[in-house]
């Protein structure tokens, strides 16, 4: 694997992220609870993840998360096409690990304009 990126990205619905603003920890999306870990994407994986899983959704928040803040709970595992994807196994995401957040939306064809800060 190439060196670990400084930032990985979590796509959340505004509704699922709202309680985190009060609790200080994001519990994740329903698929995270079902799978037993929190799903993330790298900058290069983000557009395809949005196209495949969030087509037609407009009320989304993109969270840029510092990998250095996640510790040993962050595991890189093969997924779509054998690519290594970051998964967080240590439960909730602490808000202190979030470098920035931006609202995003995905059109009906799965296209999304990503914030310029995605790298």
Protein backbone atom coordinates (compact mmCIF):
# COMPACT_ATOMS: atom_id res chain seq x y z
CA UNK A 1 0.00 0.00 0.00
CA UNK A 2 1.17 3.53 -0.65
CA UNK A 3 1.81 5.75 2.37
CA UNK A 4 -1.29 6.38 4.47
CA UNK A 5 -3.01 9.60 3.39
CA UNK A 6 -3.33 12.41 5.94
CA UNK A 7 -7.08 12.60 5.30
CA UNK A 8 -9.79 10.05 4.56
CA UNK A 9 -13.43 10.86 3.90
CA UNK A 10 -16.73 9.89 5.48
CA UNK A 11 -19.98 10.56 3.65
CA UNK A 12 -22.87 11.15 6.05
CA UNK A 13 -26.45 12.28 5.78
CA UNK A 14 -27.13 15.52 7.60
CA UNK A 15 -29.71 13.68 9.70
CA UNK A 16 -27.28 10.96 10.79
CA UNK A 17 -24.57 13.52 11.62
CA UNK A 18 -26.79 15.97 13.58
CA UNK A 19 -26.67 14.06 16.94
CA UNK A 20 -22.85 14.07 16.78
CA UNK A 21 -22.82 17.84 17.09
CA UNK A 22 -24.24 17.42 20.61
CA UNK A 23 -22.50 14.21 21.69
CA UNK A 24 -19.05 14.93 20.22
CA UNK A 25 -18.99 11.53 18.49
CA UNK A 26 -20.41 10.39 15.18
CA UNK A 27 -21.99 6.94 15.36
CA UNK A 28 -22.07 6.44 11.59
CA UNK A 29 -24.62 5.50 8.97
CA UNK A 30 -26.95 2.46 9.17
CA UNK A 31 -24.59 0.43 6.94
CA UNK A 32 -21.76 1.07 9.42
CA UNK A 33 -23.80 -0.40 12.27
CA UNK A 34 -24.85 -3.35 10.09
CA UNK A 35 -21.27 -4.12 8.99
CA UNK A 36 -19.66 -3.58 12.40
CA UNK A 37 -17.22 -0.90 11.26
CA UNK A 38 -17.31 2.61 9.83
CA UNK A 39 -16.77 2.94 6.08
CA UNK A 40 -14.42 5.61 4.69
CA UNK A 41 -12.98 6.41 1.26
CA UNK A 42 -9.72 7.95 0.14
CA UNK A 43 -9.77 11.01 -2.12
CA UNK A 44 -9.32 8.79 -5.19
CA UNK A 45 -12.16 6.45 -4.13
CA UNK A 46 -14.63 9.17 -3.19
CA UNK A 47 -16.29 9.91 -6.54
CA UNK A 48 -17.02 6.23 -7.22
CA UNK A 49 -18.38 5.69 -3.69
CA UNK A 50 -20.71 8.65 -4.14
CA UNK A 51 -21.83 7.39 -7.57
CA UNK A 52 -22.51 3.85 -6.37
CA UNK A 53 -24.09 4.48 -2.97
CA UNK A 54 -25.44 8.05 -2.81
CA UNK A 55 -26.97 8.72 -6.25
CA UNK A 56 -29.74 11.32 -6.10
CA UNK A 57 -29.07 12.35 -2.49
CA UNK A 58 -28.78 16.05 -1.75
CA UNK A 59 -28.62 16.33 2.03
CA UNK A 60 -25.10 14.96 2.55
CA UNK A 61 -22.10 16.07 4.58
CA UNK A 62 -18.55 15.19 3.57
CA UNK A 63 -16.27 14.77 6.58
CA UNK A 64 -12.50 15.01 6.11
CA UNK A 65 -10.96 12.88 8.85
CA UNK A 66 -7.32 12.93 9.99
CA UNK A 67 -5.96 9.38 9.81
CA UNK A 68 -3.39 10.16 12.51
CA UNK A 69 -6.24 10.75 14.99
CA UNK A 70 -7.86 7.33 14.51
CA UNK A 71 -5.20 5.08 16.02
CA UNK A 72 -5.12 1.32 15.72
CA UNK A 73 -8.86 1.08 15.06
CA UNK A 74 -8.23 2.18 11.47
CA UNK A 75 -7.74 -0.89 9.27
CA UNK A 76 -7.13 -0.96 5.49
CA UNK A 77 -9.03 -3.82 3.86
CA UNK A 78 -9.63 -4.92 0.27
CA UNK A 79 -13.06 -4.07 -1.07
CA UNK A 80 -14.39 -2.83 -4.42
CA UNK A 81 -12.08 -4.12 -7.15
CA UNK A 82 -9.48 -5.22 -4.61
CA UNK A 83 -8.70 -1.62 -3.60
CA UNK A 84 -7.73 -1.07 0.02
CA UNK A 85 -10.42 0.91 1.83
CA UNK A 86 -10.11 2.49 5.27
CA UNK A 87 -12.44 1.00 7.90
CA UNK A 88 -12.73 2.15 11.51
CA UNK A 89 -13.32 -0.65 14.02
CA UNK A 90 -13.00 1.35 17.24
CA UNK A 91 -16.60 2.48 17.41
CA UNK A 92 -17.70 6.09 17.09
CA UNK A 93 -15.76 8.76 15.24
CA UNK A 94 -14.63 11.54 17.62
CA UNK A 95 -15.42 14.96 16.20
CA UNK A 96 -11.90 16.12 17.12
CA UNK A 97 -10.61 13.86 14.30
CA UNK A 98 -12.59 15.82 11.68
CA UNK A 99 -10.40 18.38 9.91
CA UNK A 100 -13.32 19.96 8.03
CA UNK A 101 -16.83 19.29 6.78
CA UNK A 102 -18.69 20.44 3.67
CA UNK A 103 -22.26 19.92 2.45
CA UNK A 104 -22.39 17.97 -0.82
CA UNK A 105 -25.07 16.55 -3.09
CA UNK A 106 -25.10 13.86 -5.75
CA UNK A 107 -27.27 14.21 -8.84
CA UNK A 108 -29.48 11.52 -10.34
CA UNK A 109 -26.63 10.23 -12.52
CA UNK A 110 -24.27 9.95 -9.55
CA UNK A 111 -22.21 13.04 -10.29
CA UNK A 112 -20.92 15.26 -7.50
CA UNK A 113 -18.74 18.34 -7.41
CA UNK A 114 -16.24 17.68 -4.64
CA UNK A 115 -14.90 20.49 -2.47
CA UNK A 116 -11.55 21.88 -3.62
CA UNK A 117 -9.99 20.82 -0.30
CA UNK A 118 -10.34 17.11 -1.17
CA UNK A 119 -6.82 15.80 -1.72
